[in-house]
Amino acid sequence: MPEKLIEFDTRVSNPLGYEFLVDLMLFSFNEFDVIIGMDWLIVHDAIVNCTQKRIVLKCQNDEIVNVETD
C-alpha cells in the first residue's frame, strides 16, 4: 500500500488544560507512539530523562509540566 504524507497542525491538550501546538505526521512505525523533533523540544525548553521515562516541558505561560509513562 503506497504511503501518503499528510501534514496538519493541531493542539494537544491534557486534563489539566495545558495545550501544545504540534505538527503531526502519520508513519507506519509500530515501535513508536510519537516522534518529537528537536525544534519542538527547543521551543518547549524540554528536558528528556530516558531512564525515568519523563519529559519536562515549559508551557507558554512558563508553567512546568512533567510528562511520565510506565
PDB file of N, CA and C in Angstrom:
ATOM      1  N   MET A   1       0.835  -1.170   0.000  1.00  0.00           N
ATOM      2  CA  MET A   1       0.000   0.000   0.000  1.00  0.00           C
ATOM      3  C   MET A   1       0.888   1.245   0.000  1.00  0.00           C
ATOM      4  N   PRO A   2       0.732   2.131  -0.966  1.00  0.00           N
ATOM      5  CA  PRO A   2       1.576   3.329  -1.004  1.00  0.00           C
ATOM      6  C   PRO A   2       1.261   4.259   0.159  1.00  0.00           C
ATOM      7  N   GLU A   3       2.309   4.870   0.680  1.00  0.00           N
ATOM      8  CA  GLU A   3       2.130   5.804   1.787  1.00  0.00           C
ATOM      9  C   GLU A   3       1.974   7.212   1.250  1.00  0.00           C
ATOM     10  N   LYS A   4       1.191   8.015   1.943  1.00  0.00           N
ATOM     11  CA  LYS A   4       0.959   9.398   1.550  1.00  0.00           C
ATOM     12  C   LYS A   4       1.233  10.286   2.759  1.00  0.00           C
ATOM     13  N   LEU A   5       2.007  11.325   2.539  1.00  0.00           N
ATOM     14  CA  LEU A   5       2.334  12.260   3.607  1.00  0.00           C
ATOM     15  C   LEU A   5       1.163  13.206   3.829  1.00  0.00           C
ATOM     16  N   ILE A   6       0.680  13.239   5.053  1.00  0.00           N
ATOM     17  CA  ILE A   6      -0.409  14.135   5.430  1.00  0.00           C
ATOM     18  C   ILE A   6       0.097  14.985   6.585  1.00  0.00           C
ATOM     19  N   GLU A   7       0.124  16.290   6.405  1.00  0.00           N
ATOM     20  CA  GLU A   7       0.587  17.180   7.462  1.00  0.00           C
ATOM     21  C   GLU A   7      -0.527  18.127   7.881  1.00  0.00           C
ATOM     22  N   PHE A   8      -0.631  18.352   9.177  1.00  0.00           N
ATOM     23  CA  PHE A   8      -1.583  19.330   9.685  1.00  0.00           C
ATOM     24  C   PHE A   8      -1.150  19.754  11.073  1.00  0.00           C
ATOM     25  N   ASP A   9      -1.486  20.980  11.425  1.00  0.00           N
ATOM     26  CA  ASP A   9      -1.199  21.488  12.768  1.00  0.00           C
ATOM     27  C   ASP A   9      -2.392  21.201  13.660  1.00  0.00           C
ATOM     28  N   THR A  10      -2.114  20.815  14.869  1.00  0.00           N
ATOM     29  CA  THR A  10      -3.182  20.556  15.831  1.00  0.00           C
ATOM     30  C   THR A  10      -2.696  20.966  17.209  1.00  0.00           C
ATOM     31  N   ARG A  11      -3.601  21.081  18.124  1.00  0.00           N
ATOM     32  CA  ARG A  11      -3.244  21.368  19.514  1.00  0.00           C
ATOM     33  C   ARG A  11      -3.529  20.131  20.350  1.00  0.00           C
ATOM     34  N   VAL A  12      -2.553  19.762  21.144  1.00  0.00           N
ATOM     35  CA  VAL A  12      -2.699  18.635  22.055  1.00  0.00           C
ATOM     36  C   VAL A  12      -2.896  19.209  23.447  1.00  0.00           C
ATOM     37  N   SER A  13      -3.917  18.746  24.137  1.00  0.00           N
ATOM     38  CA  SER A  13      -4.148  19.221  25.499  1.00  0.00           C
ATOM     39  C   SER A  13      -4.341  18.023  26.418  1.00  0.00           C
ATOM     40  N   ASN A  14      -4.290  18.291  27.703  1.00  0.00           N
ATOM     41  CA  ASN A  14      -4.467  17.226  28.685  1.00  0.00           C
ATOM     42  C   ASN A  14      -5.545  17.653  29.674  1.00  0.00           C
ATOM     43  N   PRO A  15      -5.920  16.777  30.603  1.00  0.00           N
ATOM     44  CA  PRO A  15      -6.986  17.121  31.554  1.00  0.00           C
ATOM     45  C   PRO A  15      -6.688  18.347  32.418  1.00  0.00           C
ATOM     46  N   LEU A  16      -5.420  18.720  32.538  1.00  0.00           N
ATOM     47  CA  LEU A  16      -5.074  19.900  33.338  1.00  0.00           C
ATOM     48  C   LEU A  16      -5.226  21.192  32.547  1.00  0.00           C
ATOM     49  N   GLY A  17      -5.513  21.073  31.242  1.00  0.00           N
ATOM     50  CA  GLY A  17      -5.748  22.254  30.428  1.00  0.00           C
ATOM     51  C   GLY A  17      -4.532  22.813  29.717  1.00  0.00           C
ATOM     52  N   TYR A  18      -3.382  22.162  29.812  1.00  0.00           N
ATOM     53  CA  TYR A  18      -2.199  22.635  29.113  1.00  0.00           C
ATOM     54  C   TYR A  18      -2.315  22.264  27.644  1.00  0.00           C
ATOM     55  N   GLU A  19      -1.984  23.210  26.761  1.00  0.00           N
ATOM     56  CA  GLU A  19      -2.058  22.969  25.326  1.00  0.00           C
ATOM     57  C   GLU A  19      -0.687  23.167  24.701  1.00  0.00           C
ATOM     58  N   PHE A  20      -0.399  22.345  23.692  1.00  0.00           N
ATOM     59  CA  PHE A  20       0.843  22.446  22.945  1.00  0.00           C
ATOM     60  C   PHE A  20       0.520  22.323  21.468  1.00  0.00           C
ATOM     61  N   LEU A  21       1.023  23.255  20.657  1.00  0.00           N
ATOM     62  CA  LEU A  21       0.853  23.179  19.220  1.00  0.00           C
ATOM     63  C   LEU A  21       1.817  22.134  18.678  1.00  0.00           C
ATOM     64  N   VAL A  22       1.304  21.185  17.913  1.00  0.00           N
ATOM     65  CA  VAL A  22       2.140  20.125  17.349  1.00  0.00           C
ATOM     66  C   VAL A  22       1.854  19.993  15.861  1.00  0.00           C
ATOM     67  N   ASP A  23       2.844  19.519  15.140  1.00  0.00           N
ATOM     68  CA  ASP A  23       2.725  19.243  13.715  1.00  0.00           C
ATOM     69  C   ASP A  23       2.872  17.735  13.566  1.00  0.00           C
ATOM     70  N   LEU A  24       1.758  17.026  13.469  1.00  0.00           N
ATOM     71  CA  LEU A  24       1.777  15.567  13.450  1.00  0.00           C
ATOM     72  C   LEU A  24       1.848  15.030  12.029  1.00  0.00           C
ATOM     73  N   MET A  25       2.624  13.956  11.865  1.00  0.00           N
ATOM     74  CA  MET A  25       2.690  13.236  10.603  1.00  0.00           C
ATOM     75  C   MET A  25       2.486  11.760  10.901  1.00  0.00           C
ATOM     76  N   LEU A  26       1.710  11.083  10.098  1.00  0.00           N
ATOM     77  CA  LEU A  26       1.424   9.672  10.288  1.00  0.00           C
ATOM     78  C   LEU A  26       2.504   8.832   9.617  1.00  0.00           C
ATOM     79  N   PHE A  27       3.128   7.946  10.387  1.00  0.00           N
ATOM     80  CA  PHE A  27       4.110   6.996   9.872  1.00  0.00           C
ATOM     81  C   PHE A  27       3.631   5.596  10.195  1.00  0.00           C
ATOM     82  N   SER A  28       4.102   4.636   9.437  1.00  0.00           N
ATOM     83  CA  SER A  28       3.703   3.246   9.692  1.00  0.00           C
ATOM     84  C   SER A  28       4.741   2.544  10.565  1.00  0.00           C
ATOM     85  N   PHE A  29       5.127   3.163  11.678  1.00  0.00           N
ATOM     86  CA  PHE A  29       6.042   2.560  12.645  1.00  0.00           C
ATOM     87  C   PHE A  29       5.225   2.012  13.801  1.00  0.00           C
ATOM     88  N   ASN A  30       5.367   0.754  14.097  1.00  0.00           N
ATOM     89  CA  ASN A  30       4.675   0.180  15.247  1.00  0.00           C
ATOM     90  C   ASN A  30       5.471   0.350  16.536  1.00  0.00           C
ATOM     91  N   GLU A  31       6.757   0.669  16.397  1.00  0.00           N
ATOM     92  CA  GLU A  31       7.631   0.732  17.565  1.00  0.00           C
ATOM     93  C   GLU A  31       7.499   2.028  18.352  1.00  0.00           C
ATOM     94  N   PHE A  32       6.940   3.085  17.735  1.00  0.00           N
ATOM     95  CA  PHE A  32       6.934   4.399  18.358  1.00  0.00           C
ATOM     96  C   PHE A  32       5.513   4.908  18.540  1.00  0.00           C
ATOM     97  N   ASP A  33       5.248   5.561  19.675  1.00  0.00           N
ATOM     98  CA  ASP A  33       3.969   6.247  19.883  1.00  0.00           C
ATOM     99  C   ASP A  33       3.991   7.599  19.186  1.00  0.00           C
ATOM    100  N   VAL A  34       5.119   8.288  19.318  1.00  0.00           N
ATOM    101  CA  VAL A  34       5.265   9.620  18.729  1.00  0.00           C
ATOM    102  C   VAL A  34       6.759   9.895  18.549  1.00  0.00           C
ATOM    103  N   ILE A  35       7.087  10.671  17.541  1.00  0.00           N
ATOM    104  CA  ILE A  35       8.461  11.120  17.332  1.00  0.00           C
ATOM    105  C   ILE A  35       8.457  12.627  17.544  1.00  0.00           C
ATOM    106  N   ILE A  36       9.267  13.098  18.474  1.00  0.00           N
ATOM    107  CA  ILE A  36       9.305  14.520  18.812  1.00  0.00           C
ATOM    108  C   ILE A  36      10.569  15.121  18.208  1.00  0.00           C
ATOM    109  N   GLY A  37      10.406  16.167  17.414  1.00  0.00           N
ATOM    110  CA  GLY A  37      11.538  16.814  16.749  1.00  0.00           C
ATOM    111  C   GLY A  37      12.314  17.731  17.682  1.00  0.00           C
ATOM    112  N   MET A  38      13.590  17.926  17.347  1.00  0.00           N
ATOM    113  CA  MET A  38      14.444  18.791  18.158  1.00  0.00           C
ATOM    114  C   MET A  38      13.918  20.221  18.208  1.00  0.00           C
ATOM    115  N   ASP A  39      13.395  20.731  17.096  1.00  0.00           N
ATOM    116  CA  ASP A  39      12.872  22.102  17.086  1.00  0.00           C
ATOM    117  C   ASP A  39      11.739  22.266  18.094  1.00  0.00           C
ATOM    118  N   TRP A  40      10.836  21.284  18.165  1.00  0.00           N
ATOM    119  CA  TRP A  40       9.714  21.334  19.110  1.00  0.00           C
ATOM    120  C   TRP A  40      10.232  21.261  20.543  1.00  0.00           C
ATOM    121  N   LEU A  41      11.210  20.389  20.785  1.00  0.00           N
ATOM    122  CA  LEU A  41      11.785  20.260  22.124  1.00  0.00           C
ATOM    123  C   LEU A  41      12.458  21.558  22.563  1.00  0.00           C
ATOM    124  N   ILE A  42      13.128  22.229  21.637  1.00  0.00           N
ATOM    125  CA  ILE A  42      13.790  23.501  21.957  1.00  0.00           C
ATOM    126  C   ILE A  42      12.764  24.573  22.302  1.00  0.00           C
ATOM    127  N   VAL A  43      11.700  24.674  21.512  1.00  0.00           N
ATOM    128  CA  VAL A  43      10.655  25.679  21.764  1.00  0.00           C
ATOM    129  C   VAL A  43      10.070  25.516  23.162  1.00  0.00           C
ATOM    130  N   HIS A  44       9.924  24.272  23.614  1.00  0.00           N
ATOM    131  CA  HIS A  44       9.311  23.999  24.910  1.00  0.00           C
ATOM    132  C   HIS A  44      10.342  23.746  26.009  1.00  0.00           C
ATOM    133  N   ASP A  45      11.604  24.121  25.718  1.00  0.00           N
ATOM    134  CA  ASP A  45      12.675  24.038  26.715  1.00  0.00           C
ATOM    135  C   ASP A  45      12.657  22.682  27.423  1.00  0.00           C
ATOM    136  N   ALA A  46      12.541  21.617  26.630  1.00  0.00           N
ATOM    137  CA  ALA A  46      12.323  20.271  27.169  1.00  0.00           C
ATOM    138  C   ALA A  46      13.578  19.674  27.796  1.00  0.00           C
ATOM    139  N   ILE A  47      13.348  18.918  28.850  1.00  0.00           N
ATOM    140  CA  ILE A  47      14.376  18.082  29.468  1.00  0.00           C
ATOM    141  C   ILE A  47      13.876  16.649  29.348  1.00  0.00           C
ATOM    142  N   VAL A  48      14.624  15.819  28.631  1.00  0.00           N
ATOM    143  CA  VAL A  48      14.232  14.431  28.391  1.00  0.00           C
ATOM    144  C   VAL A  48      15.076  13.530  29.279  1.00  0.00           C
ATOM    145  N   ASN A  49      14.421  12.736  30.132  1.00  0.00           N
ATOM    146  CA  ASN A  49      15.099  11.787  31.006  1.00  0.00           C
ATOM    147  C   ASN A  49      14.629  10.392  30.617  1.00  0.00           C
ATOM    148  N   CYS A  50      15.425   9.707  29.802  1.00  0.00           N
ATOM    149  CA  CYS A  50      15.037   8.383  29.302  1.00  0.00           C
ATOM    150  C   CYS A  50      15.007   7.342  30.416  1.00  0.00           C
ATOM    151  N   THR A  51      15.919   7.430  31.376  1.00  0.00           N
ATOM    152  CA  THR A  51      15.964   6.458  32.465  1.00  0.00           C
ATOM    153  C   THR A  51      14.680   6.481  33.288  1.00  0.00           C
ATOM    154  N   GLN A  52      14.176   7.668  33.570  1.00  0.00           N
ATOM    155  CA  GLN A  52      12.952   7.806  34.365  1.00  0.00           C
ATOM    156  C   GLN A  52      11.698   7.862  33.498  1.00  0.00           C
ATOM    157  N   LYS A  53      11.854   7.782  32.180  1.00  0.00           N
ATOM    158  CA  LYS A  53      10.737   7.871  31.224  1.00  0.00           C
ATOM    159  C   LYS A  53       9.920   9.133  31.480  1.00  0.00           C
ATOM    160  N   ARG A  54      10.618  10.267  31.509  1.00  0.00           N
ATOM    161  CA  ARG A  54       9.987  11.545  31.848  1.00  0.00           C
ATOM    162  C   ARG A  54      10.469  12.635  30.894  1.00  0.00           C
ATOM    163  N   ILE A  55       9.543  13.517  30.517  1.00  0.00           N
ATOM    164  CA  ILE A  55       9.873  14.722  29.768  1.00  0.00           C
ATOM    165  C   ILE A  55       9.312  15.904  30.556  1.00  0.00           C
ATOM    166  N   VAL A  56      10.146  16.899  30.789  1.00  0.00           N
ATOM    167  CA  VAL A  56       9.727  18.122  31.461  1.00  0.00           C
ATOM    168  C   VAL A  56       9.609  19.204  30.393  1.00  0.00           C
ATOM    169  N   LEU A  57       8.437  19.860  30.325  1.00  0.00           N
ATOM    170  CA  LEU A  57       8.164  20.874  29.308  1.00  0.00           C
ATOM    171  C   LEU A  57       7.786  22.192  29.961  1.00  0.00           C
ATOM    172  N   LYS A  58       8.135  23.288  29.291  1.00  0.00           N
ATOM    173  CA  LYS A  58       7.710  24.605  29.750  1.00  0.00           C
ATOM    174  C   LYS A  58       6.545  25.055  28.877  1.00  0.00           C
ATOM    175  N   CYS A  59       5.445  25.439  29.510  1.00  0.00           N
ATOM    176  CA  CYS A  59       4.256  25.921  28.798  1.00  0.00           C
ATOM    177  C   CYS A  59       4.458  27.364  28.355  1.00  0.00           C
ATOM    178  N   GLN A  60       3.518  27.859  27.547  1.00  0.00           N
ATOM    179  CA  GLN A  60       3.582  29.241  27.075  1.00  0.00           C
ATOM    180  C   GLN A  60       3.517  30.240  28.220  1.00  0.00           C
ATOM    181  N   ASN A  61       2.854  29.883  29.324  1.00  0.00           N
ATOM    182  CA  ASN A  61       2.765  30.784  30.483  1.00  0.00           C
ATOM    183  C   ASN A  61       3.892  30.522  31.488  1.00  0.00           C
ATOM    184  N   ASP A  62       4.922  29.800  31.065  1.00  0.00           N
ATOM    185  CA  ASP A  62       6.112  29.470  31.862  1.00  0.00           C
ATOM    186  C   ASP A  62       5.857  28.458  32.971  1.00  0.00           C
ATOM    187  N   GLU A  63       4.668  27.862  33.031  1.00  0.00           N
ATOM    188  CA  GLU A  63       4.450  26.763  33.973  1.00  0.00           C
ATOM    189  C   GLU A  63       5.199  25.534  33.468  1.00  0.00           C
ATOM    190  N   ILE A  64       5.575  24.664  34.404  1.00  0.00           N
ATOM    191  CA  ILE A  64       6.312  23.447  34.080  1.00  0.00           C
ATOM    192  C   ILE A  64       5.355  22.260  34.114  1.00  0.00           C
ATOM    193  N   VAL A  65       5.456  21.397  33.096  1.00  0.00           N
ATOM    194  CA  VAL A  65       4.633  20.192  33.014  1.00  0.00           C
ATOM    195  C   VAL A  65       5.559  18.988  32.940  1.00  0.00           C
ATOM    196  N   ASN A  66       5.311  17.991  33.788  1.00  0.00           N
ATOM    197  CA  ASN A  66       6.043  16.729  33.755  1.00  0.00           C
ATOM    198  C   ASN A  66       5.190  15.692  33.044  1.00  0.00           C
ATOM    199  N   VAL A  67       5.736  15.072  32.004  1.00  0.00           N
ATOM    200  CA  VAL A  67       5.047  14.011  31.275  1.00  0.00           C
ATOM    201  C   VAL A  67       5.785  12.720  31.583  1.00  0.00           C
ATOM    202  N   GLU A  68       5.089  11.758  32.190  1.00  0.00           N
ATOM    203  CA  GLU A  68       5.705  10.492  32.586  1.00  0.00           C
ATOM    204  C   GLU A  68       4.922   9.325  32.015  1.00  0.00           C
ATOM    205  N   THR A  69       5.597   8.200  31.847  1.00  0.00           N
ATOM    206  CA  THR A  69       4.957   6.987  31.363  1.00  0.00           C
ATOM    207  C   THR A  69       5.449   5.795  32.174  1.00  0.00           C
ATOM    208  N   ASP A  70       4.750   4.694  32.050  1.00  0.00           N
ATOM    209  CA  ASP A  70       5.141   3.467  32.768  1.00  0.00           C
ATOM    210  C   ASP A  70       6.321   2.802  32.111  1.00  0.00           C
TER     211      ASP A  70
END
